[in-house]
N, C-alpha and C. Protein backbone atom coordinates (compact mmCIF):
# COMPACT_ATOMS: atom_id res chain seq x y z
N UNK A 1 -38.38 40.97 24.86
CA UNK A 1 -39.31 41.35 25.90
C UNK A 1 -40.44 42.07 25.16
N UNK A 2 -41.61 41.93 25.62
CA UNK A 2 -42.77 42.64 25.00
C UNK A 2 -43.76 43.04 26.15
N UNK A 3 -44.53 44.02 25.84
CA UNK A 3 -45.46 44.51 26.84
C UNK A 3 -46.74 43.74 26.71
N UNK A 4 -47.84 44.31 27.43
CA UNK A 4 -49.09 43.56 27.41
C UNK A 4 -49.83 43.55 26.05
N UNK A 5 -49.38 44.55 25.20
CA UNK A 5 -50.11 44.72 23.94
C UNK A 5 -49.25 44.03 22.75
N UNK A 6 -48.22 43.36 23.06
CA UNK A 6 -47.41 42.64 22.12
C UNK A 6 -46.39 43.41 21.43
N UNK A 7 -46.20 44.70 21.82
CA UNK A 7 -45.14 45.49 21.27
C UNK A 7 -43.83 45.14 21.97
N UNK A 8 -42.71 45.16 21.15
CA UNK A 8 -41.45 44.83 21.65
C UNK A 8 -40.80 46.16 22.33
N UNK A 9 -40.35 45.86 23.46
CA UNK A 9 -39.70 46.99 24.16
C UNK A 9 -38.20 46.60 24.52
N UNK A 10 -37.44 47.61 24.76
CA UNK A 10 -36.04 47.37 25.15
C UNK A 10 -35.83 47.73 26.50
N UNK A 11 -34.87 47.17 27.15
CA UNK A 11 -34.49 47.54 28.53
C UNK A 11 -33.78 48.89 28.52
N UNK A 12 -33.82 49.50 29.61
CA UNK A 12 -33.20 50.87 29.81
C UNK A 12 -31.72 50.78 29.50
N UNK A 13 -31.26 51.67 28.60
CA UNK A 13 -29.76 51.72 28.22
C UNK A 13 -29.47 50.81 27.07
N UNK A 14 -30.47 49.95 26.61
CA UNK A 14 -30.15 49.11 25.45
C UNK A 14 -30.82 49.67 24.21
N UNK A 15 -30.25 49.33 23.10
CA UNK A 15 -30.77 49.79 21.78
C UNK A 15 -31.20 48.54 20.97
N UNK A 16 -32.31 48.67 20.23
CA UNK A 16 -32.67 47.48 19.39
C UNK A 16 -31.69 47.35 18.29
N UNK A 17 -31.47 46.09 17.90
CA UNK A 17 -30.58 45.74 16.81
C UNK A 17 -31.35 46.06 15.50
N UNK A 18 -30.63 46.54 14.47
CA UNK A 18 -31.17 46.77 13.27
C UNK A 18 -31.44 45.49 12.43
N UNK A 19 -32.35 45.41 11.57
CA UNK A 19 -32.75 44.18 10.87
C UNK A 19 -31.55 43.72 9.98
N UNK A 20 -31.27 42.49 10.10
CA UNK A 20 -30.22 41.88 9.23
C UNK A 20 -30.82 40.82 8.31
N UNK A 21 -30.36 40.88 7.04
CA UNK A 21 -30.85 39.89 6.07
C UNK A 21 -30.09 38.54 6.37
N UNK A 22 -30.87 37.47 6.41
CA UNK A 22 -30.35 36.16 6.56
C UNK A 22 -30.54 35.36 5.28
N UNK A 23 -29.49 34.57 4.88
CA UNK A 23 -29.62 33.87 3.64
C UNK A 23 -30.69 32.74 3.73
N UNK A 24 -31.21 32.33 2.73
CA UNK A 24 -32.20 31.25 2.69
C UNK A 24 -31.50 29.89 2.84
N UNK A 25 -32.07 28.94 3.54
CA UNK A 25 -31.50 27.65 3.75
C UNK A 25 -31.20 26.97 2.30
N UNK A 26 -30.18 26.16 2.25
CA UNK A 26 -29.95 25.50 1.03
C UNK A 26 -29.23 24.15 1.29
N UNK A 27 -29.24 23.30 0.30
CA UNK A 27 -28.79 21.94 0.35
C UNK A 27 -27.26 21.82 -0.19
N UNK A 28 -26.79 22.94 -0.73
CA UNK A 28 -25.41 22.93 -1.28
C UNK A 28 -24.34 22.61 -0.34
N UNK A 29 -24.28 23.02 0.93
CA UNK A 29 -23.31 22.61 1.87
C UNK A 29 -23.25 21.13 2.07
N UNK A 30 -24.50 20.46 2.08
CA UNK A 30 -24.55 19.02 2.24
C UNK A 30 -23.97 18.34 1.08
N UNK A 31 -24.22 18.87 -0.16
CA UNK A 31 -23.74 18.34 -1.40
C UNK A 31 -22.16 18.44 -1.39
N UNK A 32 -21.69 19.59 -0.87
CA UNK A 32 -20.20 19.76 -0.81
C UNK A 32 -19.61 18.74 0.10
N UNK A 33 -20.29 18.54 1.24
CA UNK A 33 -19.76 17.47 2.19
C UNK A 33 -19.78 16.11 1.63
N UNK A 34 -20.85 15.79 0.91
CA UNK A 34 -21.02 14.45 0.33
C UNK A 34 -19.94 14.32 -0.83
N UNK A 35 -19.72 15.29 -1.60
CA UNK A 35 -18.70 15.24 -2.61
C UNK A 35 -17.30 14.98 -1.97
N UNK A 36 -17.08 15.65 -0.85
CA UNK A 36 -15.81 15.44 -0.19
C UNK A 36 -15.59 14.09 0.32
N UNK A 37 -16.70 13.51 0.87
CA UNK A 37 -16.62 12.12 1.35
C UNK A 37 -16.40 11.18 0.21
N UNK A 38 -17.13 11.41 -0.95
CA UNK A 38 -16.93 10.50 -2.09
C UNK A 38 -15.49 10.59 -2.63
N UNK A 39 -14.92 11.78 -2.64
CA UNK A 39 -13.55 11.93 -3.05
C UNK A 39 -12.61 10.98 -2.37
N UNK A 40 -12.68 11.16 -0.96
CA UNK A 40 -11.77 10.40 -0.17
C UNK A 40 -12.15 8.94 -0.16
N UNK A 41 -13.41 8.61 -0.27
CA UNK A 41 -13.81 7.18 -0.41
C UNK A 41 -13.26 6.71 -1.74
N UNK A 42 -13.30 7.43 -2.78
CA UNK A 42 -12.86 7.07 -4.08
C UNK A 42 -11.31 6.85 -4.12
N UNK A 43 -10.55 7.61 -3.31
CA UNK A 43 -9.18 7.47 -3.17
C UNK A 43 -8.73 6.10 -2.77
N UNK A 44 -9.57 5.46 -1.98
CA UNK A 44 -9.20 4.12 -1.46
C UNK A 44 -9.97 3.00 -2.10
N UNK A 45 -10.98 3.32 -2.93
CA UNK A 45 -11.71 2.21 -3.55
C UNK A 45 -11.59 2.21 -5.13
N UNK A 46 -12.17 3.19 -5.73
CA UNK A 46 -12.33 3.23 -7.21
C UNK A 46 -12.29 4.55 -7.79
N UNK A 47 -11.85 4.65 -9.00
CA UNK A 47 -11.66 5.90 -9.64
C UNK A 47 -13.14 6.40 -10.04
N UNK A 48 -14.10 5.52 -10.21
CA UNK A 48 -15.50 5.86 -10.56
C UNK A 48 -16.02 6.65 -9.35
N UNK A 49 -15.90 6.20 -8.23
CA UNK A 49 -16.38 6.89 -6.98
C UNK A 49 -15.72 8.23 -6.85
N UNK A 50 -14.41 8.22 -7.08
CA UNK A 50 -13.60 9.49 -7.03
C UNK A 50 -14.09 10.49 -8.05
N UNK A 51 -14.41 10.05 -9.23
CA UNK A 51 -14.97 10.95 -10.25
C UNK A 51 -16.31 11.44 -9.91
N UNK A 52 -17.18 10.64 -9.34
CA UNK A 52 -18.49 11.07 -8.98
C UNK A 52 -18.33 12.15 -7.82
N UNK A 53 -17.35 11.87 -6.89
CA UNK A 53 -17.10 12.87 -5.85
C UNK A 53 -16.70 14.18 -6.36
N UNK A 54 -15.78 14.19 -7.35
CA UNK A 54 -15.27 15.40 -7.98
C UNK A 54 -16.47 16.20 -8.63
N UNK A 55 -17.33 15.39 -9.32
CA UNK A 55 -18.38 16.04 -10.03
C UNK A 55 -19.43 16.67 -9.08
N UNK A 56 -19.68 15.93 -8.03
CA UNK A 56 -20.67 16.43 -6.97
C UNK A 56 -20.08 17.60 -6.18
N UNK A 57 -18.76 17.55 -5.91
CA UNK A 57 -18.16 18.68 -5.27
C UNK A 57 -18.15 19.93 -6.12
N UNK A 58 -17.81 19.83 -7.37
CA UNK A 58 -17.75 20.93 -8.25
C UNK A 58 -19.21 21.51 -8.52
N UNK A 59 -20.14 20.60 -8.71
CA UNK A 59 -21.50 21.10 -8.88
C UNK A 59 -22.12 21.79 -7.72
N UNK A 60 -21.84 21.25 -6.48
CA UNK A 60 -22.39 21.86 -5.25
C UNK A 60 -21.70 23.24 -5.03
N UNK A 61 -20.39 23.28 -5.26
CA UNK A 61 -19.60 24.57 -5.04
C UNK A 61 -20.07 25.65 -6.06
N UNK A 62 -20.30 25.26 -7.28
CA UNK A 62 -20.72 26.21 -8.28
C UNK A 62 -22.18 26.70 -7.98
N UNK A 63 -23.01 25.76 -7.58
CA UNK A 63 -24.40 26.15 -7.19
C UNK A 63 -24.47 27.02 -6.05
N UNK A 64 -23.66 26.74 -5.09
CA UNK A 64 -23.66 27.59 -3.76
C UNK A 64 -23.12 28.94 -4.11
N UNK A 65 -22.04 29.06 -4.81
CA UNK A 65 -21.50 30.42 -5.23
C UNK A 65 -22.50 31.21 -6.05
N UNK A 66 -23.14 30.50 -7.04
CA UNK A 66 -24.16 31.17 -7.84
C UNK A 66 -25.30 31.58 -7.00
N UNK A 67 -25.78 30.79 -6.04
CA UNK A 67 -26.90 31.21 -5.21
C UNK A 67 -26.56 32.47 -4.33
N UNK A 68 -25.34 32.41 -3.89
CA UNK A 68 -24.92 33.57 -2.99
C UNK A 68 -24.92 34.82 -3.90
N UNK A 69 -24.39 34.72 -5.05
CA UNK A 69 -24.31 35.83 -6.02
C UNK A 69 -25.68 36.47 -6.31
N UNK A 70 -26.67 35.51 -6.63
CA UNK A 70 -28.00 35.91 -6.94
C UNK A 70 -28.64 36.58 -5.71
N UNK A 71 -28.47 36.02 -4.56
CA UNK A 71 -28.99 36.57 -3.33
C UNK A 71 -28.49 37.92 -2.96
N UNK A 72 -27.18 38.12 -3.17
CA UNK A 72 -26.57 39.43 -2.92
C UNK A 72 -27.14 40.45 -3.90
N UNK A 73 -27.24 40.03 -5.16
CA UNK A 73 -27.75 40.99 -6.20
C UNK A 73 -29.20 41.41 -5.79
N UNK A 74 -29.97 40.41 -5.42
CA UNK A 74 -31.30 40.70 -5.01
C UNK A 74 -31.39 41.60 -3.84
N UNK A 75 -30.59 41.27 -2.86
CA UNK A 75 -30.60 42.12 -1.56
C UNK A 75 -30.09 43.48 -1.82
N UNK A 76 -29.09 43.68 -2.59
CA UNK A 76 -28.60 45.01 -2.89
C UNK A 76 -29.47 45.80 -3.63
N UNK A 77 -30.30 45.19 -4.61
CA UNK A 77 -31.22 45.98 -5.43
C UNK A 77 -32.40 46.31 -4.55
N UNK A 78 -32.78 45.66 -3.46
CA UNK A 78 -33.94 46.03 -2.68
C UNK A 78 -33.65 47.06 -1.57
N UNK A 79 -32.38 47.31 -1.35
CA UNK A 79 -32.01 48.30 -0.30
C UNK A 79 -32.17 49.77 -0.89
N UNK A 80 -32.78 50.64 -0.14
CA UNK A 80 -32.79 52.03 -0.58
C UNK A 80 -31.39 52.62 -0.72
N UNK A 81 -31.20 53.52 -1.64
CA UNK A 81 -29.98 54.15 -1.79
C UNK A 81 -29.77 55.22 -0.66
N UNK A 82 -28.53 55.38 -0.21
CA UNK A 82 -28.27 56.36 0.80
C UNK A 82 -28.48 57.79 0.26
N UNK A 83 -28.91 58.71 1.06
CA UNK A 83 -29.16 60.07 0.58
C UNK A 83 -27.73 60.74 0.18
N UNK A 84 -27.88 61.52 -0.90
CA UNK A 84 -26.64 62.18 -1.32
C UNK A 84 -26.82 63.70 -0.92
N UNK A 85 -25.73 64.29 -0.57
CA UNK A 85 -25.66 65.68 -0.23
C UNK A 85 -25.31 66.51 -1.43
N UNK A 86 -26.26 67.30 -1.89
CA UNK A 86 -26.00 68.20 -2.97
C UNK A 86 -25.47 69.54 -2.51
N UNK A 87 -24.27 69.87 -2.85
CA UNK A 87 -23.65 71.10 -2.35
C UNK A 87 -23.64 72.12 -3.51
């Protein structure tokens, strides 16, 4: 909901949600799904297709895990540190 000036307002008794970081879109889940499909297709056809499926699955999984790690590191380093109480 916004007022006439474009400012966001909240309804009475509601609180605005705090900003949440969303991950960037990626093709790794699609690669993982394609690798899985090739693995099962290779089980009934050829060991070559099976091997391609394993390779694609492993590469997509490793890439996705790596991307998540880099994104977490970047996100954690950009957050301000919480204040410490000096007693």
